[in-house]
Amino acid sequence: MADDWKAQISSKVTICHGKVCIKGTRVMISVILDCLAEGMTEDEILIDYPSLKKGDVNIAIQYAASLARGERIPIRAES
């Protein structure tokens, strides 16, 4: 599996208190995963969070899968 998705996540101390978000948005990965856990579809999530684009939900899933495998994902917090 390619690691291209890692370039699409970010953490900035000035955005969502440094929580991991989809790059260029204020949508935290945890919010996307919570939506999926509640049974929302990708299309429903994209409607509720218009700053997201197709593929961003998959990025959140890939991030969570990596964490579940115990992988360390270095994300440099930007100021």
PDB file of N, CA and C in Angstrom:
ATOM      1  N   MET A   1       0.846  -1.178   0.000  1.00  0.00           N
ATOM      2  CA  MET A   1       0.000   0.000   0.000  1.00  0.00           C
ATOM      3  C   MET A   1       0.892   1.241   0.000  1.00  0.00           C
ATOM      4  N   ALA A   2       0.636   2.141  -0.888  1.00  0.00           N
ATOM      5  CA  ALA A   2       1.432   3.365  -0.986  1.00  0.00           C
ATOM      6  C   ALA A   2       1.170   4.259   0.218  1.00  0.00           C
ATOM      7  N   ASP A   3       2.170   5.033   0.555  1.00  0.00           N
ATOM      8  CA  ASP A   3       2.052   5.950   1.686  1.00  0.00           C
ATOM      9  C   ASP A   3       1.694   7.365   1.244  1.00  0.00           C
ATOM     10  N   ASP A   4       1.152   7.515   0.038  1.00  0.00           N
ATOM     11  CA  ASP A   4       0.798   8.842  -0.466  1.00  0.00           C
ATOM     12  C   ASP A   4      -0.186   9.555   0.449  1.00  0.00           C
ATOM     13  N   TRP A   5      -1.037   8.804   1.110  1.00  0.00           N
ATOM     14  CA  TRP A   5      -2.048   9.393   1.978  1.00  0.00           C
ATOM     15  C   TRP A   5      -1.426  10.177   3.131  1.00  0.00           C
ATOM     16  N   LYS A   6      -0.229   9.802   3.541  1.00  0.00           N
ATOM     17  CA  LYS A   6       0.415  10.477   4.677  1.00  0.00           C
ATOM     18  C   LYS A   6       0.683  11.952   4.390  1.00  0.00           C
ATOM     19  N   ALA A   7       0.869  12.284   3.128  1.00  0.00           N
ATOM     20  CA  ALA A   7       1.090  13.683   2.756  1.00  0.00           C
ATOM     21  C   ALA A   7      -0.201  14.495   2.824  1.00  0.00           C
ATOM     22  N   GLN A   8      -1.327  13.821   2.981  1.00  0.00           N
ATOM     23  CA  GLN A   8      -2.624  14.502   2.997  1.00  0.00           C
ATOM     24  C   GLN A   8      -3.184  14.710   4.404  1.00  0.00           C
ATOM     25  N   ILE A   9      -2.370  14.446   5.422  1.00  0.00           N
ATOM     26  CA  ILE A   9      -2.791  14.715   6.792  1.00  0.00           C
ATOM     27  C   ILE A   9      -1.833  15.718   7.407  1.00  0.00           C
ATOM     28  N   SER A  10      -2.332  16.491   8.347  1.00  0.00           N
ATOM     29  CA  SER A  10      -1.479  17.489   8.973  1.00  0.00           C
ATOM     30  C   SER A  10      -1.902  17.741  10.406  1.00  0.00           C
ATOM     31  N   SER A  11      -1.025  18.390  11.108  1.00  0.00           N
ATOM     32  CA  SER A  11      -1.284  18.782  12.487  1.00  0.00           C
ATOM     33  C   SER A  11      -0.670  20.156  12.688  1.00  0.00           C
ATOM     34  N   LYS A  12      -1.504  21.126  12.994  1.00  0.00           N
ATOM     35  CA  LYS A  12      -1.037  22.488  13.273  1.00  0.00           C
ATOM     36  C   LYS A  12      -1.571  22.894  14.634  1.00  0.00           C
ATOM     37  N   VAL A  13      -0.701  23.449  15.455  1.00  0.00           N
ATOM     38  CA  VAL A  13      -1.127  23.821  16.804  1.00  0.00           C
ATOM     39  C   VAL A  13      -2.229  24.876  16.777  1.00  0.00           C
ATOM     40  N   THR A  14      -2.314  25.654  15.725  1.00  0.00           N
ATOM     41  CA  THR A  14      -3.326  26.695  15.625  1.00  0.00           C
ATOM     42  C   THR A  14      -4.651  26.189  15.044  1.00  0.00           C
ATOM     43  N   ILE A  15      -4.699  24.939  14.629  1.00  0.00           N
ATOM     44  CA  ILE A  15      -5.915  24.355  14.057  1.00  0.00           C
ATOM     45  C   ILE A  15      -6.302  23.137  14.879  1.00  0.00           C
ATOM     46  N   CYS A  16      -7.463  23.169  15.461  1.00  0.00           N
ATOM     47  CA  CYS A  16      -7.994  22.039  16.247  1.00  0.00           C
ATOM     48  C   CYS A  16      -7.022  21.577  17.322  1.00  0.00           C
ATOM     49  N   HIS A  17      -6.319  22.534  17.922  1.00  0.00           N
ATOM     50  CA  HIS A  17      -5.392  22.249  19.025  1.00  0.00           C
ATOM     51  C   HIS A  17      -4.336  21.205  18.665  1.00  0.00           C
ATOM     52  N   GLY A  18      -3.956  21.157  17.400  1.00  0.00           N
ATOM     53  CA  GLY A  18      -2.909  20.235  16.979  1.00  0.00           C
ATOM     54  C   GLY A  18      -3.377  18.826  16.673  1.00  0.00           C
ATOM     55  N   LYS A  19      -4.677  18.583  16.721  1.00  0.00           N
ATOM     56  CA  LYS A  19      -5.196  17.252  16.381  1.00  0.00           C
ATOM     57  C   LYS A  19      -4.977  16.990  14.896  1.00  0.00           C
ATOM     58  N   VAL A  20      -4.833  15.732  14.527  1.00  0.00           N
ATOM     59  CA  VAL A  20      -4.570  15.358  13.141  1.00  0.00           C
ATOM     60  C   VAL A  20      -5.821  15.605  12.294  1.00  0.00           C
ATOM     61  N   CYS A  21      -5.633  16.365  11.214  1.00  0.00           N
ATOM     62  CA  CYS A  21      -6.722  16.745  10.308  1.00  0.00           C
ATOM     63  C   CYS A  21      -6.365  16.381   8.871  1.00  0.00           C
ATOM     64  N   ILE A  22      -7.370  16.418   8.019  1.00  0.00           N
ATOM     65  CA  ILE A  22      -7.121  16.338   6.590  1.00  0.00           C
ATOM     66  C   ILE A  22      -6.475  17.662   6.201  1.00  0.00           C
ATOM     67  N   LYS A  23      -5.370  17.587   5.528  1.00  0.00           N
ATOM     68  CA  LYS A  23      -4.599  18.771   5.163  1.00  0.00           C
ATOM     69  C   LYS A  23      -5.475  19.785   4.422  1.00  0.00           C
ATOM     70  N   GLY A  24      -5.350  21.046   4.816  1.00  0.00           N
ATOM     71  CA  GLY A  24      -6.098  22.117   4.180  1.00  0.00           C
ATOM     72  C   GLY A  24      -7.513  22.282   4.692  1.00  0.00           C
ATOM     73  N   THR A  25      -7.878  21.504   5.723  1.00  0.00           N
ATOM     74  CA  THR A  25      -9.214  21.606   6.307  1.00  0.00           C
ATOM     75  C   THR A  25      -9.086  21.724   7.824  1.00  0.00           C
ATOM     76  N   ARG A  26     -10.213  21.922   8.456  1.00  0.00           N
ATOM     77  CA  ARG A  26     -10.290  21.881   9.916  1.00  0.00           C
ATOM     78  C   ARG A  26     -11.087  20.650  10.352  1.00  0.00           C
ATOM     79  N   VAL A  27     -11.071  19.633   9.521  1.00  0.00           N
ATOM     80  CA  VAL A  27     -11.810  18.400   9.816  1.00  0.00           C
ATOM     81  C   VAL A  27     -10.832  17.370  10.361  1.00  0.00           C
ATOM     82  N   MET A  28     -11.033  17.029  11.629  1.00  0.00           N
ATOM     83  CA  MET A  28     -10.152  16.068  12.274  1.00  0.00           C
ATOM     84  C   MET A  28     -10.435  14.651  11.769  1.00  0.00           C
ATOM     85  N   ILE A  29      -9.375  13.864  11.703  1.00  0.00           N
ATOM     86  CA  ILE A  29      -9.498  12.461  11.315  1.00  0.00           C
ATOM     87  C   ILE A  29     -10.497  11.759  12.233  1.00  0.00           C
ATOM     88  N   SER A  30     -10.447  12.078  13.512  1.00  0.00           N
ATOM     89  CA  SER A  30     -11.350  11.421  14.471  1.00  0.00           C
ATOM     90  C   SER A  30     -12.814  11.723  14.164  1.00  0.00           C
ATOM     91  N   VAL A  31     -13.113  12.901  13.658  1.00  0.00           N
ATOM     92  CA  VAL A  31     -14.492  13.250  13.301  1.00  0.00           C
ATOM     93  C   VAL A  31     -14.968  12.374  12.140  1.00  0.00           C
ATOM     94  N   ILE A  32     -14.117  12.199  11.148  1.00  0.00           N
ATOM     95  CA  ILE A  32     -14.471  11.349  10.002  1.00  0.00           C
ATOM     96  C   ILE A  32     -14.706   9.918  10.465  1.00  0.00           C
ATOM     97  N   LEU A  33     -13.833   9.411  11.318  1.00  0.00           N
ATOM     98  CA  LEU A  33     -13.982   8.040  11.817  1.00  0.00           C
ATOM     99  C   LEU A  33     -15.230   7.894  12.671  1.00  0.00           C
ATOM    100  N   ASP A  34     -15.555   8.909  13.469  1.00  0.00           N
ATOM    101  CA  ASP A  34     -16.794   8.879  14.251  1.00  0.00           C
ATOM    102  C   ASP A  34     -18.012   8.816  13.337  1.00  0.00           C
ATOM    103  N   CYS A  35     -17.982   9.587  12.265  1.00  0.00           N
ATOM    104  CA  CYS A  35     -19.088   9.576  11.294  1.00  0.00           C
ATOM    105  C   CYS A  35     -19.254   8.182  10.689  1.00  0.00           C
ATOM    106  N   LEU A  36     -18.150   7.575  10.305  1.00  0.00           N
ATOM    107  CA  LEU A  36     -18.207   6.226   9.745  1.00  0.00           C
ATOM    108  C   LEU A  36     -18.742   5.230  10.770  1.00  0.00           C
ATOM    109  N   ALA A  37     -18.306   5.373  12.014  1.00  0.00           N
ATOM    110  CA  ALA A  37     -18.761   4.469  13.072  1.00  0.00           C
ATOM    111  C   ALA A  37     -20.261   4.606  13.312  1.00  0.00           C
ATOM    112  N   GLU A  38     -20.806   5.783  13.048  1.00  0.00           N
ATOM    113  CA  GLU A  38     -22.240   6.014  13.196  1.00  0.00           C
ATOM    114  C   GLU A  38     -23.031   5.514  11.983  1.00  0.00           C
ATOM    115  N   GLY A  39     -22.318   5.023  10.963  1.00  0.00           N
ATOM    116  CA  GLY A  39     -22.984   4.464   9.800  1.00  0.00           C
ATOM    117  C   GLY A  39     -23.152   5.424   8.633  1.00  0.00           C
ATOM    118  N   MET A  40     -22.537   6.589   8.705  1.00  0.00           N
ATOM    119  CA  MET A  40     -22.642   7.535   7.595  1.00  0.00           C
ATOM    120  C   MET A  40     -21.852   7.030   6.393  1.00  0.00           C
ATOM    121  N   THR A  41     -22.343   7.348   5.210  1.00  0.00           N
ATOM    122  CA  THR A  41     -21.624   7.005   3.990  1.00  0.00           C
ATOM    123  C   THR A  41     -20.632   8.118   3.667  1.00  0.00           C
ATOM    124  N   GLU A  42     -19.721   7.819   2.742  1.00  0.00           N
ATOM    125  CA  GLU A  42     -18.772   8.849   2.317  1.00  0.00           C
ATOM    126  C   GLU A  42     -19.518  10.054   1.763  1.00  0.00           C
ATOM    127  N   ASP A  43     -20.532   9.820   0.955  1.00  0.00           N
ATOM    128  CA  ASP A  43     -21.288  10.937   0.376  1.00  0.00           C
ATOM    129  C   ASP A  43     -21.941  11.794   1.454  1.00  0.00           C
ATOM    130  N   GLU A  44     -22.485  11.176   2.485  1.00  0.00           N
ATOM    131  CA  GLU A  44     -23.093  11.938   3.579  1.00  0.00           C
ATOM    132  C   GLU A  44     -22.055  12.772   4.314  1.00  0.00           C
ATOM    133  N   ILE A  45     -20.881  12.202   4.520  1.00  0.00           N
ATOM    134  CA  ILE A  45     -19.804  12.932   5.199  1.00  0.00           C
ATOM    135  C   ILE A  45     -19.368  14.123   4.350  1.00  0.00           C
ATOM    136  N   LEU A  46     -19.249  13.917   3.056  1.00  0.00           N
ATOM    137  CA  LEU A  46     -18.840  15.009   2.160  1.00  0.00           C
ATOM    138  C   LEU A  46     -19.873  16.129   2.142  1.00  0.00           C
ATOM    139  N   ILE A  47     -21.134  15.783   2.277  1.00  0.00           N
ATOM    140  CA  ILE A  47     -22.180  16.821   2.333  1.00  0.00           C
ATOM    141  C   ILE A  47     -22.078  17.601   3.642  1.00  0.00           C
ATOM    142  N   ASP A  48     -21.880  16.888   4.757  1.00  0.00           N
ATOM    143  CA  ASP A  48     -21.791  17.547   6.061  1.00  0.00           C
ATOM    144  C   ASP A  48     -20.511  18.354   6.242  1.00  0.00           C
ATOM    145  N   TYR A  49     -19.466  17.968   5.563  1.00  0.00           N
ATOM    146  CA  TYR A  49     -18.162  18.643   5.674  1.00  0.00           C
ATOM    147  C   TYR A  49     -17.686  19.019   4.275  1.00  0.00           C
ATOM    148  N   PRO A  50     -18.208  20.117   3.737  1.00  0.00           N
ATOM    149  CA  PRO A  50     -17.921  20.481   2.342  1.00  0.00           C
ATOM    150  C   PRO A  50     -16.452  20.809   2.044  1.00  0.00           C
ATOM    151  N   SER A  51     -15.638  21.007   3.065  1.00  0.00           N
ATOM    152  CA  SER A  51     -14.215  21.251   2.807  1.00  0.00           C
ATOM    153  C   SER A  51     -13.479  19.967   2.436  1.00  0.00           C
ATOM    154  N   LEU A  52     -14.124  18.813   2.690  1.00  0.00           N
ATOM    155  CA  LEU A  52     -13.528  17.532   2.299  1.00  0.00           C
ATOM    156  C   LEU A  52     -13.807  17.251   0.832  1.00  0.00           C
ATOM    157  N   LYS A  53     -12.947  16.423   0.258  1.00  0.00           N
ATOM    158  CA  LYS A  53     -13.161  16.012  -1.135  1.00  0.00           C
ATOM    159  C   LYS A  53     -13.126  14.493  -1.219  1.00  0.00           C
ATOM    160  N   LYS A  54     -13.550  13.973  -2.363  1.00  0.00           N
ATOM    161  CA  LYS A  54     -13.529  12.529  -2.579  1.00  0.00           C
ATOM    162  C   LYS A  54     -12.141  12.005  -2.248  1.00  0.00           C
ATOM    163  N   GLY A  55     -12.087  10.922  -1.534  1.00  0.00           N
ATOM    164  CA  GLY A  55     -10.812  10.310  -1.171  1.00  0.00           C
ATOM    165  C   GLY A  55     -10.355  10.649   0.235  1.00  0.00           C
ATOM    166  N   ASP A  56     -10.852  11.757   0.799  1.00  0.00           N
ATOM    167  CA  ASP A  56     -10.422  12.144   2.142  1.00  0.00           C
ATOM    168  C   ASP A  56     -10.898  11.155   3.201  1.00  0.00           C
ATOM    169  N   VAL A  57     -12.068  10.582   3.008  1.00  0.00           N
ATOM    170  CA  VAL A  57     -12.564   9.582   3.966  1.00  0.00           C
ATOM    171  C   VAL A  57     -11.643   8.361   3.946  1.00  0.00           C
ATOM    172  N   ASN A  58     -11.194   7.971   2.774  1.00  0.00           N
ATOM    173  CA  ASN A  58     -10.275   6.844   2.662  1.00  0.00           C
ATOM    174  C   ASN A  58      -8.936   7.147   3.354  1.00  0.00           C
ATOM    175  N   ILE A  59      -8.509   8.376   3.288  1.00  0.00           N
ATOM    176  CA  ILE A  59      -7.277   8.772   3.981  1.00  0.00           C
ATOM    177  C   ILE A  59      -7.435   8.550   5.482  1.00  0.00           C
ATOM    178  N   ALA A  60      -8.585   8.927   6.022  1.00  0.00           N
ATOM    179  CA  ALA A  60      -8.844   8.725   7.451  1.00  0.00           C
ATOM    180  C   ALA A  60      -8.828   7.238   7.809  1.00  0.00           C
ATOM    181  N   ILE A  61      -9.394   6.422   6.935  1.00  0.00           N
ATOM    182  CA  ILE A  61      -9.415   4.971   7.166  1.00  0.00           C
ATOM    183  C   ILE A  61      -7.995   4.413   7.119  1.00  0.00           C
ATOM    184  N   GLN A  62      -7.204   4.856   6.168  1.00  0.00           N
ATOM    185  CA  GLN A  62      -5.817   4.381   6.071  1.00  0.00           C
ATOM    186  C   GLN A  62      -5.019   4.794   7.306  1.00  0.00           C
ATOM    187  N   TYR A  63      -5.244   5.997   7.789  1.00  0.00           N
ATOM    188  CA  TYR A  63      -4.572   6.470   9.001  1.00  0.00           C
ATOM    189  C   TYR A  63      -4.941   5.566  10.181  1.00  0.00           C
ATOM    190  N   ALA A  64      -6.234   5.297  10.349  1.00  0.00           N
ATOM    191  CA  ALA A  64      -6.689   4.451  11.452  1.00  0.00           C
ATOM    192  C   ALA A  64      -6.149   3.028  11.329  1.00  0.00           C
ATOM    193  N   ALA A  65      -6.122   2.491  10.121  1.00  0.00           N
ATOM    194  CA  ALA A  65      -5.603   1.138   9.907  1.00  0.00           C
ATOM    195  C   ALA A  65      -4.130   1.063  10.275  1.00  0.00           C
ATOM    196  N   SER A  66      -3.382   2.076   9.931  1.00  0.00           N
ATOM    197  CA  SER A  66      -1.962   2.103  10.283  1.00  0.00           C
ATOM    198  C   SER A  66      -1.780   2.114  11.795  1.00  0.00           C
ATOM    199  N   LEU A  67      -2.582   2.917  12.483  1.00  0.00           N
ATOM    200  CA  LEU A  67      -2.494   2.958  13.944  1.00  0.00           C
ATOM    201  C   LEU A  67      -2.885   1.619  14.549  1.00  0.00           C
ATOM    202  N   ALA A  68      -3.905   0.976  13.975  1.00  0.00           N
ATOM    203  CA  ALA A  68      -4.351  -0.325  14.488  1.00  0.00           C
ATOM    204  C   ALA A  68      -3.278  -1.395  14.324  1.00  0.00           C
ATOM    205  N   ARG A  69      -2.440  -1.244  13.299  1.00  0.00           N
ATOM    206  CA  ARG A  69      -1.329  -2.189  13.098  1.00  0.00           C
ATOM    207  C   ARG A  69      -0.155  -1.861  14.008  1.00  0.00           C
ATOM    208  N   GLY A  70      -0.270  -0.806  14.781  1.00  0.00           N
ATOM    209  CA  GLY A  70       0.801  -0.415  15.691  1.00  0.00           C
ATOM    210  C   GLY A  70       1.898   0.388  15.038  1.00  0.00           C
ATOM    211  N   GLU A  71       1.644   0.871  13.856  1.00  0.00           N
ATOM    212  CA  GLU A  71       2.649   1.673  13.155  1.00  0.00           C
ATOM    213  C   GLU A  71       2.738   3.061  13.785  1.00  0.00           C
ATOM    214  N   ARG A  72       3.925   3.598  13.745  1.00  0.00           N
ATOM    215  CA  ARG A  72       4.132   4.974  14.179  1.00  0.00           C
ATOM    216  C   ARG A  72       4.054   5.847  12.942  1.00  0.00           C
ATOM    217  N   ILE A  73       3.274   6.889  13.036  1.00  0.00           N
ATOM    218  CA  ILE A  73       3.087   7.792  11.895  1.00  0.00           C
ATOM    219  C   ILE A  73       3.632   9.150  12.303  1.00  0.00           C
ATOM    220  N   PRO A  74       4.822   9.465  11.834  1.00  0.00           N
ATOM    221  CA  PRO A  74       5.399  10.756  12.218  1.00  0.00           C
ATOM    222  C   PRO A  74       4.662  11.905  11.521  1.00  0.00           C
ATOM    223  N   ILE A  75       4.082  12.762  12.317  1.00  0.00           N
ATOM    224  CA  ILE A  75       3.427  13.945  11.805  1.00  0.00           C
ATOM    225  C   ILE A  75       4.044  15.120  12.534  1.00  0.00           C
ATOM    226  N   ARG A  76       4.716  15.915  11.800  1.00  0.00           N
ATOM    227  CA  ARG A  76       5.381  17.065  12.420  1.00  0.00           C
ATOM    228  C   ARG A  76       4.348  18.172  12.636  1.00  0.00           C
ATOM    229  N   ALA A  77       4.155  18.527  13.882  1.00  0.00           N
ATOM    230  CA  ALA A  77       3.206  19.599  14.193  1.00  0.00           C
ATOM    231  C   ALA A  77       3.759  20.916  13.668  1.00  0.00           C
ATOM    232  N   GLU A  78       2.952  21.586  12.889  1.00  0.00           N
ATOM    233  CA  GLU A  78       3.352  22.879  12.343  1.00  0.00           C
ATOM    234  C   GLU A  78       2.839  23.965  13.252  1.00  0.00           C
ATOM    235  N   SER A  79       3.544  25.082  13.278  1.00  0.00           N
ATOM    236  CA  SER A  79       3.089  26.194  14.125  1.00  0.00           C
ATOM    237  C   SER A  79       2.336  27.216  13.322  1.00  0.00           C
TER     238      SER A  79
END
